Amino acid sequence: MTPYLLLLLFVVVLAYVGRRSGNEGVRRVSIGTLMLALVAFAGLRDFQVGTDTSNYVHMLMFSESFDSVTAQGTEVGYNFLAWVARNVSESYTALLLMIAALVVSCYVPTIVKLTHRYETALYLFITLGIYTFFFNGARQGIAAAICFAAIPFLLQRRLPPYFMLVVLASLFHQTAWIALVLYPLAARRADWRRLVALGGATVAAVVFLQVFVGFAAEMLDDKFAAYAEGGDGGGQILVAFLVGQGAMLYLLKGKVRDPEGHYGRLLNIYLIGLVPVLASTLSGVNPSGVLRLHLYFSPVAILLWPMVFLHLRDRSLRGVLALGFVGVTLLLFLLTTSAFSGLVPYGFNPEIVPW
């Protein structure tokens, strides 16, 4: 767990120092340096770090020919990336570095662009597990990252570039198509009527889950049929956190001055994401399917919280909220990183870093 905590400390401190320096050159260098650190940490890891990493390494062996890009007919974006990596180097580190570079270059510049105190957002990027998600689900992690990079266009109401980025994301994982519904549904305001509508949508999702999944399997890929298979449910800690966080962000919306409607649109995106989260839990299906769809919605929390803290004028409330905020997110980070997804112990690829 220590390497993850050291990375978290390095990134947050460097981002804070760079922003507070008052020098644009220093700020840019600090951002570039922390991006390199995030890419290197993910890209230089051993294939045993991350439950699914070994699967991606195994598939890389069959990516020498360009025919492998279109062999499966879907997710050609990832297949192309694997083909490039395989022809650049025989080491799997080339693939991991490319995946990390793509994901980090989607998240970090968007975070810096949309948040004033971006060190808070970068802290959340790591502690909420968004950064480490692609250590396992590389394809879906890339797709979600590209959709996140499209958020500025959603806020600016520029449909063509938003649509093009979602299409690009779908080349890595077809679940990215779900991000298309966000453009019309991300309203400027979130009120009780929206909560009632989302409650009804959750009930409908639970009742008609088999129908929705069957449609996705027929229209996109047969593998989506597994999303409705029964399981132990699982993910209760994550679900409880996501719902609790959504409640807090909703209750605090009155504290945020939002003349452009950005907080309202982002909050609506987050609340919409609770529909598959709750449907997955209430239906008791495999959590690696429907529950994972939250990755297209919940990362907006890393943009919402800095807005909350920036506009809170009551120092006492801000101090109490910040203390609880750090405590809960750090606890979540420790629990999810140490107990799930095979992320611990962390180790470098011994062929690249022999220590």
Protein backbone atom coordinates (compact mmCIF):
# COMPACT_ATOMS: atom_id res chain seq x y z
CA MET A 1 0.00 0.00 0.00
CA THR A 2 2.96 2.31 0.66
CA PRO A 3 3.80 2.95 -3.04
CA TYR A 4 0.23 4.12 -3.71
CA LEU A 5 0.28 6.48 -0.73
CA LEU A 6 3.65 7.90 -1.78
CA LEU A 7 2.35 8.50 -5.29
CA LEU A 8 -0.74 10.22 -3.87
CA LEU A 9 1.39 12.47 -1.67
CA PHE A 10 3.79 13.30 -4.52
CA VAL A 11 1.03 14.21 -6.99
CA VAL A 12 -1.03 16.33 -4.59
CA VAL A 13 1.94 18.24 -3.12
CA LEU A 14 3.48 18.88 -6.53
CA ALA A 15 0.16 20.09 -7.94
CA TYR A 16 -0.37 22.40 -4.95
CA VAL A 17 3.14 23.85 -5.07
CA GLY A 18 2.93 24.38 -8.82
CA ARG A 19 -0.43 26.16 -8.60
CA ARG A 20 0.60 28.32 -5.65
CA SER A 21 3.93 29.32 -7.19
CA GLY A 22 2.34 32.07 -9.23
CA ASN A 23 4.64 31.24 -12.11
CA GLU A 24 3.04 29.80 -15.24
CA GLY A 25 6.23 27.99 -16.24
CA VAL A 26 6.55 26.31 -12.86
CA ARG A 27 2.88 25.38 -12.96
CA ARG A 28 3.20 23.75 -16.37
CA VAL A 29 6.34 21.85 -15.36
CA SER A 30 4.65 20.58 -12.19
CA ILE A 31 1.65 19.33 -14.18
CA GLY A 32 3.88 17.64 -16.75
CA THR A 33 5.97 16.02 -14.02
CA LEU A 34 3.02 14.61 -12.11
CA MET A 35 1.54 13.28 -15.36
CA LEU A 36 4.82 11.48 -16.07
CA ALA A 37 4.76 10.05 -12.54
CA LEU A 38 1.22 8.74 -13.00
CA VAL A 39 2.08 7.20 -16.38
CA ALA A 40 5.32 5.64 -15.12
CA PHE A 41 3.71 4.18 -11.99
CA ALA A 42 1.01 2.45 -14.03
CA GLY A 43 3.11 1.61 -17.07
CA LEU A 44 6.17 0.16 -15.34
CA ARG A 45 4.23 -2.15 -13.02
CA ASP A 46 4.64 -5.91 -13.01
CA PHE A 47 1.98 -7.92 -14.85
CA GLN A 48 0.89 -9.43 -11.52
CA VAL A 49 -0.35 -6.02 -10.31
CA GLY A 50 -4.02 -5.93 -11.24
CA THR A 51 -6.25 -8.97 -11.56
CA ASP A 52 -6.78 -8.62 -15.33
CA THR A 53 -3.32 -7.35 -16.30
CA SER A 54 -2.06 -10.85 -17.04
CA ASN A 55 -4.98 -11.36 -19.46
CA TYR A 56 -4.01 -8.27 -21.43
CA VAL A 57 -0.40 -9.41 -21.49
CA HIS A 58 -1.48 -12.82 -22.77
CA MET A 59 -3.63 -11.28 -25.53
CA LEU A 60 -0.69 -9.11 -26.54
CA MET A 61 1.08 -12.24 -27.81
CA PHE A 62 -1.53 -12.51 -30.58
CA SER A 63 -1.28 -8.90 -31.73
CA GLU A 64 1.70 -9.11 -34.10
CA SER A 65 -0.38 -9.09 -37.29
CA PHE A 66 -2.49 -6.12 -38.35
CA ASP A 67 -5.28 -8.64 -38.97
CA SER A 68 -5.65 -8.87 -35.18
CA VAL A 69 -7.02 -5.31 -35.15
CA THR A 70 -10.27 -6.29 -36.87
CA ALA A 71 -10.27 -10.02 -36.10
CA GLN A 72 -12.92 -9.75 -33.37
CA GLY A 73 -14.92 -7.06 -35.15
CA THR A 74 -15.32 -4.92 -32.00
CA GLU A 75 -13.16 -2.65 -29.86
CA VAL A 76 -10.78 -2.06 -32.75
CA GLY A 77 -9.34 0.96 -30.94
CA TYR A 78 -7.84 -1.19 -28.22
CA ASN A 79 -6.78 -3.86 -30.72
CA PHE A 80 -4.96 -1.20 -32.74
CA LEU A 81 -3.24 0.09 -29.61
CA ALA A 82 -2.12 -3.45 -28.73
CA TRP A 83 -0.87 -3.99 -32.30
CA VAL A 84 1.21 -0.79 -32.14
CA ALA A 85 2.62 -1.75 -28.74
CA ARG A 86 3.51 -5.26 -29.92
CA ASN A 87 5.39 -3.84 -32.91
CA VAL A 88 7.19 -1.23 -30.84
CA SER A 89 8.50 -3.72 -28.30
CA GLU A 90 8.09 -7.34 -27.29
CA SER A 91 7.84 -6.23 -23.66
CA TYR A 92 4.34 -5.82 -22.24
CA THR A 93 5.55 -2.61 -20.61
CA ALA A 94 5.10 -0.84 -23.96
CA LEU A 95 1.39 -1.64 -23.89
CA LEU A 96 0.95 -0.66 -20.24
CA LEU A 97 2.76 2.64 -20.84
CA MET A 98 0.58 3.45 -23.85
CA ILE A 99 -2.61 2.66 -21.94
CA ALA A 100 -1.47 4.78 -19.00
CA ALA A 101 -0.42 7.69 -21.23
CA LEU A 102 -3.79 7.69 -23.00
CA VAL A 103 -5.83 7.58 -19.78
CA VAL A 104 -3.75 10.14 -17.88
CA SER A 105 -3.67 12.55 -20.84
CA CYS A 106 -7.49 12.46 -20.93
CA TYR A 107 -8.09 13.00 -17.23
CA VAL A 108 -5.39 15.39 -16.01
CA PRO A 109 -5.65 18.17 -18.65
CA THR A 110 -9.45 18.09 -18.31
CA ILE A 111 -9.17 18.35 -14.52
CA VAL A 112 -6.75 21.27 -14.78
CA LYS A 113 -8.98 23.01 -17.31
CA LEU A 114 -12.22 22.69 -15.35
CA THR A 115 -11.09 23.17 -11.72
CA HIS A 116 -9.34 26.09 -10.08
CA ARG A 117 -7.83 24.18 -7.15
CA TYR A 118 -7.00 21.14 -9.20
CA GLU A 119 -4.89 19.47 -6.50
CA THR A 120 -8.17 18.53 -4.79
CA ALA A 121 -9.47 16.96 -8.00
CA LEU A 122 -6.20 15.05 -8.52
CA TYR A 123 -6.42 13.80 -4.94
CA LEU A 124 -9.87 12.43 -5.74
CA PHE A 125 -8.72 11.06 -9.09
CA ILE A 126 -6.47 8.70 -7.15
CA THR A 127 -8.38 8.06 -3.92
CA LEU A 128 -11.72 7.33 -5.59
CA GLY A 129 -10.08 4.55 -7.61
CA ILE A 130 -10.55 6.21 -10.99
CA TYR A 131 -6.82 6.15 -11.64
CA THR A 132 -6.31 2.53 -10.61
CA PHE A 133 -9.41 1.24 -12.42
CA PHE A 134 -7.55 0.83 -15.69
CA PHE A 135 -4.96 -1.35 -13.94
CA ASN A 136 -7.66 -4.00 -14.41
CA GLY A 137 -10.32 -2.89 -16.87
CA ALA A 138 -7.97 -1.33 -19.41
CA ARG A 139 -10.41 -1.14 -22.33
CA GLN A 140 -13.30 0.26 -20.33
CA GLY A 141 -10.88 2.49 -18.42
CA ILE A 142 -9.69 4.04 -21.69
CA ALA A 143 -13.27 4.47 -22.93
CA ALA A 144 -14.33 6.20 -19.70
CA ALA A 145 -11.26 8.46 -19.84
CA ILE A 146 -12.10 9.61 -23.37
CA CYS A 147 -15.70 10.29 -22.32
CA PHE A 148 -14.38 12.33 -19.40
CA ALA A 149 -12.27 14.37 -21.83
CA ALA A 150 -15.51 15.12 -23.71
CA ILE A 151 -17.12 16.80 -20.68
CA PRO A 152 -15.93 20.35 -21.57
CA PHE A 153 -17.83 20.05 -24.86
CA LEU A 154 -20.94 18.89 -23.00
CA LEU A 155 -20.73 21.91 -20.70
CA GLN A 156 -20.23 24.20 -23.71
CA ARG A 157 -23.19 22.49 -25.46
CA ARG A 158 -21.06 21.56 -28.47
CA LEU A 159 -22.62 18.34 -29.69
CA PRO A 160 -20.39 17.45 -32.71
CA PRO A 161 -17.05 17.19 -30.82
CA TYR A 162 -18.79 15.53 -27.86
CA PHE A 163 -20.38 12.96 -30.15
CA MET A 164 -17.08 12.28 -31.96
CA LEU A 165 -15.25 11.61 -28.70
CA VAL A 166 -17.97 9.21 -27.54
CA VAL A 167 -17.67 7.38 -30.89
CA LEU A 168 -13.90 7.20 -30.37
CA ALA A 169 -14.43 5.85 -26.84
CA SER A 170 -16.76 3.15 -28.19
CA LEU A 171 -13.87 1.79 -30.26
CA PHE A 172 -12.24 0.79 -26.97
CA HIS A 173 -15.36 -0.42 -25.14
CA GLN A 174 -18.90 -0.40 -26.49
CA THR A 175 -20.42 0.54 -23.14
CA ALA A 176 -19.21 4.07 -23.94
CA TRP A 177 -22.36 4.55 -26.03
CA ILE A 178 -24.21 5.11 -22.76
CA ALA A 179 -22.48 8.50 -22.51
CA LEU A 180 -24.64 9.77 -25.40
CA VAL A 181 -27.67 10.01 -23.10
CA LEU A 182 -25.82 12.52 -20.94
CA TYR A 183 -25.91 15.32 -23.48
CA PRO A 184 -29.71 15.81 -23.47
CA LEU A 185 -30.19 14.73 -19.83
CA ALA A 186 -27.49 16.91 -18.22
CA ALA A 187 -29.80 19.81 -17.34
CA ARG A 188 -28.63 23.06 -15.71
CA ARG A 189 -30.62 22.37 -12.55
CA ALA A 190 -31.05 19.36 -10.29
CA ASP A 191 -34.19 19.48 -8.16
CA TRP A 192 -36.62 17.10 -6.45
CA ARG A 193 -38.38 16.39 -9.75
CA ARG A 194 -35.14 15.00 -11.14
CA LEU A 195 -34.74 12.81 -8.04
CA VAL A 196 -38.24 11.42 -8.51
CA ALA A 197 -37.53 10.72 -12.18
CA LEU A 198 -34.27 8.96 -11.32
CA GLY A 199 -36.06 6.88 -8.69
CA GLY A 200 -38.55 5.77 -11.33
CA ALA A 201 -35.72 5.02 -13.75
CA THR A 202 -34.03 2.86 -11.11
CA VAL A 203 -37.21 0.84 -10.57
CA ALA A 204 -37.61 0.41 -14.33
CA ALA A 205 -33.96 -0.64 -14.66
CA VAL A 206 -34.42 -3.32 -11.99
CA VAL A 207 -37.68 -4.63 -13.46
CA PHE A 208 -36.58 -4.60 -17.10
CA LEU A 209 -32.86 -5.33 -16.65
CA GLN A 210 -33.10 -8.57 -18.63
CA VAL A 211 -34.77 -6.70 -21.52
CA PHE A 212 -32.17 -3.92 -21.58
CA VAL A 213 -29.27 -6.35 -21.42
CA GLY A 214 -30.81 -8.59 -24.08
CA PHE A 215 -31.16 -5.59 -26.39
CA ALA A 216 -27.52 -4.62 -25.82
CA ALA A 217 -26.39 -8.19 -26.46
CA GLU A 218 -28.34 -8.32 -29.71
CA MET A 219 -27.34 -4.88 -31.00
CA LEU A 220 -23.74 -4.68 -29.79
CA ASP A 221 -22.12 -7.86 -28.54
CA ASP A 222 -23.21 -11.21 -27.07
CA LYS A 223 -20.87 -10.71 -24.12
CA PHE A 224 -23.30 -8.16 -22.64
CA ALA A 225 -25.64 -11.04 -21.83
CA ALA A 226 -23.35 -11.75 -18.88
CA TYR A 227 -24.34 -8.39 -17.36
CA ALA A 228 -27.68 -9.85 -16.29
CA GLU A 229 -26.30 -13.08 -14.87
CA GLY A 230 -26.98 -13.67 -11.21
CA GLY A 231 -24.18 -13.26 -8.72
CA ASP A 232 -23.46 -12.27 -5.18
CA GLY A 233 -24.24 -8.64 -5.94
CA GLY A 234 -21.12 -7.29 -4.32
CA GLY A 235 -19.63 -3.83 -4.32
CA GLN A 236 -21.71 -2.77 -1.31
CA ILE A 237 -18.96 -0.53 0.04
CA LEU A 238 -18.60 1.25 -3.28
CA VAL A 239 -22.37 1.54 -3.75
CA ALA A 240 -22.84 2.97 -0.25
CA PHE A 241 -20.11 5.51 -0.87
CA LEU A 242 -21.44 6.57 -4.28
CA VAL A 243 -24.98 7.03 -2.97
CA GLY A 244 -23.78 8.89 0.13
CA GLN A 245 -21.54 11.11 -1.96
CA GLY A 246 -24.42 11.88 -4.31
CA ALA A 247 -26.62 12.88 -1.37
CA MET A 248 -23.91 15.23 -0.05
CA LEU A 249 -23.29 16.85 -3.42
CA TYR A 250 -27.05 17.37 -3.86
CA LEU A 251 -27.52 18.88 -0.39
CA LEU A 252 -24.55 21.23 -0.92
CA LYS A 253 -25.69 22.50 -4.32
CA GLY A 254 -27.26 25.57 -2.73
CA LYS A 255 -23.83 26.64 -1.46
CA VAL A 256 -22.35 26.84 -4.96
CA ARG A 257 -22.76 29.93 -7.13
CA ASP A 258 -23.45 28.46 -10.53
CA PRO A 259 -24.35 31.15 -13.09
CA GLU A 260 -23.19 29.02 -16.03
CA GLY A 261 -24.98 25.89 -14.84
CA HIS A 262 -21.85 23.76 -14.75
CA TYR A 263 -22.42 22.43 -11.24
CA GLY A 264 -26.02 21.57 -12.10
CA ARG A 265 -25.09 19.71 -15.29
CA LEU A 266 -22.29 17.78 -13.60
CA LEU A 267 -24.50 16.93 -10.63
CA ASN A 268 -27.19 15.60 -12.97
CA ILE A 269 -24.58 13.41 -14.68
CA TYR A 270 -23.56 12.02 -11.30
CA LEU A 271 -27.15 11.38 -10.20
CA ILE A 272 -27.98 9.63 -13.49
CA GLY A 273 -25.04 7.33 -12.82
CA LEU A 274 -26.67 6.15 -9.60
CA VAL A 275 -29.37 4.40 -11.64
CA PRO A 276 -27.12 1.53 -12.86
CA VAL A 277 -25.36 1.50 -9.48
CA LEU A 278 -28.57 0.90 -7.54
CA ALA A 279 -30.06 -1.36 -10.24
CA SER A 280 -27.00 -3.59 -10.08
CA THR A 281 -27.22 -3.94 -6.31
CA LEU A 282 -30.99 -4.41 -6.11
CA SER A 283 -30.95 -6.97 -8.94
CA GLY A 284 -28.12 -8.96 -7.37
CA VAL A 285 -26.26 -9.30 -10.67
CA ASN A 286 -22.54 -9.70 -11.27
CA PRO A 287 -20.96 -6.42 -10.03
CA SER A 288 -18.30 -6.54 -12.75
CA GLY A 289 -21.00 -5.78 -15.32
CA VAL A 290 -23.71 -3.19 -14.73
CA LEU A 291 -22.04 -1.67 -11.66
CA ARG A 292 -18.96 -0.78 -13.71
CA LEU A 293 -21.07 1.56 -15.82
CA HIS A 294 -20.76 4.11 -13.01
CA LEU A 295 -17.32 4.92 -14.41
CA TYR A 296 -18.97 7.02 -17.13
CA PHE A 297 -20.80 9.12 -14.53
CA SER A 298 -19.21 9.14 -11.07
CA PRO A 299 -15.82 10.68 -12.05
CA VAL A 300 -17.56 14.07 -12.34
CA ALA A 301 -17.39 14.09 -8.53
CA ILE A 302 -13.72 15.01 -8.85
CA LEU A 303 -14.87 18.22 -10.56
CA LEU A 304 -17.81 18.90 -8.22
CA TRP A 305 -16.01 18.75 -4.86
CA PRO A 306 -13.46 21.50 -5.68
CA MET A 307 -16.40 23.73 -6.67
CA VAL A 308 -18.06 23.03 -3.32
CA PHE A 309 -14.96 23.87 -1.27
CA LEU A 310 -14.23 26.96 -3.36
CA HIS A 311 -17.67 28.47 -2.67
CA LEU A 312 -18.11 27.50 0.99
CA ARG A 313 -17.74 30.73 2.97
CA ASP A 314 -18.40 29.27 6.41
CA ARG A 315 -14.91 28.32 7.61
CA SER A 316 -16.19 26.05 10.37
CA LEU A 317 -18.41 24.12 7.97
CA ARG A 318 -15.63 23.97 5.42
CA GLY A 319 -13.15 22.68 8.00
CA VAL A 320 -15.49 19.96 9.30
CA LEU A 321 -16.46 18.94 5.78
CA ALA A 322 -12.83 18.83 4.64
CA LEU A 323 -11.83 16.69 7.63
CA GLY A 324 -14.61 14.20 7.02
CA PHE A 325 -13.98 14.33 3.28
CA VAL A 326 -10.30 13.40 3.64
CA GLY A 327 -11.02 10.72 6.23
CA VAL A 328 -13.73 8.95 4.21
CA THR A 329 -11.93 9.10 0.87
CA LEU A 330 -8.64 7.89 2.35
CA LEU A 331 -10.43 5.03 4.10
CA LEU A 332 -12.15 4.09 0.84
CA PHE A 333 -8.82 4.25 -0.97
CA LEU A 334 -7.13 2.01 1.60
CA LEU A 335 -9.98 -0.52 1.59
CA THR A 336 -10.49 -0.80 -2.15
CA THR A 337 -6.81 -0.74 -3.09
CA SER A 338 -5.64 -3.24 -0.49
CA ALA A 339 -8.58 -5.65 -0.63
CA PHE A 340 -9.74 -5.73 -4.25
CA SER A 341 -8.47 -6.07 -7.82
CA GLY A 342 -5.09 -7.53 -6.94
CA LEU A 343 -3.37 -4.14 -6.70
CA VAL A 344 -1.35 -5.01 -3.60
CA PRO A 345 1.53 -5.68 -3.32
CA TYR A 346 2.74 -3.26 -5.96
CA GLY A 347 5.88 -4.13 -7.89
CA PHE A 348 7.75 -2.89 -10.94
CA ASN A 349 8.38 -5.00 -14.00
CA PRO A 350 11.68 -6.71 -12.98
CA GLU A 351 12.87 -6.60 -16.59
CA ILE A 352 12.70 -2.80 -16.55
CA VAL A 353 13.27 -1.88 -12.90
CA PRO A 354 15.22 -4.70 -11.20
CA TRP A 355 14.37 -3.64 -7.64
